[in-house]
Amino acid sequence: MVRSAVTRAVAAAGTRLFTRTLVGVAVGDFVHVSADYDLQGLSVTGYCHASGSVTVVMNNNTAGVIDLASGNWNFMITRNNPA
């Protein structure tokens, strides 16, 4: 698991992305994302778009701006083992 600090506001019905470097992650790996604070209704997903780099997508499906507190994001990578 890798931790990374970030603070972000996401507009009503909006999307915001951020990218982090994670050594060893590869395209096709599964990226599990969590935060150590309340996401206030955001939907969060992560994916590896290039070797060593993960993008987190935050979707706000509410009618108001969500301004996240400062805190840590946690990443857990599961290797994809194609047959």
C-alpha atoms as a PDB file:
ATOM      1  CA  MET A   1       0.000   0.000   0.000  1.00  0.00           C
ATOM      2  CA  VAL A   2       1.225   3.490  -0.873  1.00  0.00           C
ATOM      3  CA  ARG A   3      -0.021   6.707   0.715  1.00  0.00           C
ATOM      4  CA  SER A   4      -0.177  10.092  -0.981  1.00  0.00           C
ATOM      5  CA  ALA A   5      -1.497  13.431   0.313  1.00  0.00           C
ATOM      6  CA  VAL A   6      -3.818  15.584  -1.790  1.00  0.00           C
ATOM      7  CA  THR A   7      -6.526  18.193  -1.268  1.00  0.00           C
ATOM      8  CA  ARG A   8      -9.086  18.776  -3.989  1.00  0.00           C
ATOM      9  CA  ALA A   9     -12.466  20.428  -4.560  1.00  0.00           C
ATOM     10  CA  VAL A  10     -14.792  18.837  -7.096  1.00  0.00           C
ATOM     11  CA  ALA A  11     -17.528  20.918  -8.741  1.00  0.00           C
ATOM     12  CA  ALA A  12     -21.184  19.887  -8.620  1.00  0.00           C
ATOM     13  CA  ALA A  13     -21.769  17.144 -11.213  1.00  0.00           C
ATOM     14  CA  GLY A  14     -18.057  17.429 -12.027  1.00  0.00           C
ATOM     15  CA  THR A  15     -15.007  15.235 -12.350  1.00  0.00           C
ATOM     16  CA  ARG A  16     -11.451  15.818 -11.179  1.00  0.00           C
ATOM     17  CA  LEU A  17      -8.355  13.718 -11.826  1.00  0.00           C
ATOM     18  CA  PHE A  18      -4.941  13.550 -10.249  1.00  0.00           C
ATOM     19  CA  THR A  19      -1.909  11.416 -11.019  1.00  0.00           C
ATOM     20  CA  ARG A  20       0.654   9.825  -8.726  1.00  0.00           C
ATOM     21  CA  THR A  21       3.880   7.945  -9.402  1.00  0.00           C
ATOM     22  CA  LEU A  22       3.836   4.376  -8.040  1.00  0.00           C
ATOM     23  CA  VAL A  23       6.958   2.352  -8.696  1.00  0.00           C
ATOM     24  CA  GLY A  24       6.264  -1.059 -10.194  1.00  0.00           C
ATOM     25  CA  VAL A  25       2.649  -0.567 -11.273  1.00  0.00           C
ATOM     26  CA  ALA A  26       1.937  -1.628 -14.866  1.00  0.00           C
ATOM     27  CA  VAL A  27      -0.863  -1.096 -17.367  1.00  0.00           C
ATOM     28  CA  GLY A  28      -3.488  -3.779 -16.757  1.00  0.00           C
ATOM     29  CA  ASP A  29      -2.920  -3.971 -12.990  1.00  0.00           C
ATOM     30  CA  PHE A  30      -5.922  -3.401 -10.726  1.00  0.00           C
ATOM     31  CA  VAL A  31      -5.748  -0.153  -8.749  1.00  0.00           C
ATOM     32  CA  HIS A  32      -7.704  -0.019  -5.488  1.00  0.00           C
ATOM     33  CA  VAL A  33      -8.108   3.491  -4.056  1.00  0.00           C
ATOM     34  CA  SER A  34      -9.275   4.703  -0.645  1.00  0.00           C
ATOM     35  CA  ALA A  35      -8.922   7.812   1.476  1.00  0.00           C
ATOM     36  CA  ASP A  36      -8.480   8.174   5.219  1.00  0.00           C
ATOM     37  CA  TYR A  37     -11.336  10.691   5.463  1.00  0.00           C
ATOM     38  CA  ASP A  38     -14.985  11.071   4.404  1.00  0.00           C
ATOM     39  CA  LEU A  39     -15.359  11.404   0.620  1.00  0.00           C
ATOM     40  CA  GLN A  40     -18.757  13.106   1.095  1.00  0.00           C
ATOM     41  CA  GLY A  41     -20.422  11.162  -1.715  1.00  0.00           C
ATOM     42  CA  LEU A  42     -17.645  11.163  -4.310  1.00  0.00           C
ATOM     43  CA  SER A  43     -17.220   8.076  -6.479  1.00  0.00           C
ATOM     44  CA  VAL A  44     -13.510   7.297  -6.767  1.00  0.00           C
ATOM     45  CA  THR A  45     -11.718   4.965  -9.177  1.00  0.00           C
ATOM     46  CA  GLY A  46      -8.099   4.452 -10.128  1.00  0.00           C
ATOM     47  CA  TYR A  47      -6.239   3.035 -13.081  1.00  0.00           C
ATOM     48  CA  CYS A  48      -2.706   2.660 -14.391  1.00  0.00           C
ATOM     49  CA  HIS A  49      -2.337   4.662 -17.603  1.00  0.00           C
ATOM     50  CA  ALA A  50       1.427   4.156 -18.005  1.00  0.00           C
ATOM     51  CA  SER A  51       4.097   2.088 -16.335  1.00  0.00           C
ATOM     52  CA  GLY A  52       4.788   3.567 -12.897  1.00  0.00           C
ATOM     53  CA  SER A  53       1.864   6.005 -12.944  1.00  0.00           C
ATOM     54  CA  VAL A  54      -1.657   5.861 -11.488  1.00  0.00           C
ATOM     55  CA  THR A  55      -4.560   8.217 -12.210  1.00  0.00           C
ATOM     56  CA  VAL A  56      -7.390   8.736  -9.711  1.00  0.00           C
ATOM     57  CA  VAL A  57     -10.775   9.870 -11.013  1.00  0.00           C
ATOM     58  CA  MET A  58     -13.147  11.593  -8.577  1.00  0.00           C
ATOM     59  CA  ASN A  59     -16.766  11.933  -9.736  1.00  0.00           C
ATOM     60  CA  ASN A  60     -19.171  14.225  -7.908  1.00  0.00           C
ATOM     61  CA  ASN A  61     -22.723  13.102  -8.649  1.00  0.00           C
ATOM     62  CA  THR A  62     -24.242  15.555  -6.159  1.00  0.00           C
ATOM     63  CA  ALA A  63     -25.761  18.995  -6.706  1.00  0.00           C
ATOM     64  CA  GLY A  64     -23.112  20.780  -4.620  1.00  0.00           C
ATOM     65  CA  VAL A  65     -19.377  21.386  -4.605  1.00  0.00           C
ATOM     66  CA  ILE A  66     -17.428  18.862  -2.524  1.00  0.00           C
ATOM     67  CA  ASP A  67     -14.315  20.339  -0.940  1.00  0.00           C
ATOM     68  CA  LEU A  68     -12.253  17.536   0.544  1.00  0.00           C
ATOM     69  CA  ALA A  69     -10.229  17.906   3.696  1.00  0.00           C
ATOM     70  CA  SER A  70      -6.497  17.416   3.533  1.00  0.00           C
ATOM     71  CA  GLY A  71      -5.566  13.810   4.062  1.00  0.00           C
ATOM     72  CA  ASN A  72      -4.010  10.708   2.613  1.00  0.00           C
ATOM     73  CA  TRP A  73      -5.000   8.566  -0.329  1.00  0.00           C
ATOM     74  CA  ASN A  74      -4.183   4.878  -0.135  1.00  0.00           C
ATOM     75  CA  PHE A  75      -3.349   2.715  -3.136  1.00  0.00           C
ATOM     76  CA  MET A  76      -3.263  -1.060  -3.286  1.00  0.00           C
ATOM     77  CA  ILE A  77      -2.157  -2.675  -6.536  1.00  0.00           C
ATOM     78  CA  THR A  78      -3.204  -6.168  -7.584  1.00  0.00           C
ATOM     79  CA  ARG A  79      -1.126  -7.583 -10.406  1.00  0.00           C
ATOM     80  CA  ASN A  80      -2.962  -8.702 -13.495  1.00  0.00           C
ATOM     81  CA  ASN A  81      -1.634 -12.109 -14.513  1.00  0.00           C
ATOM     82  CA  PRO A  82      -2.903 -12.746 -18.030  1.00  0.00           C
ATOM     83  CA  ALA A  83      -3.062 -16.368 -19.127  1.00  0.00           C
END
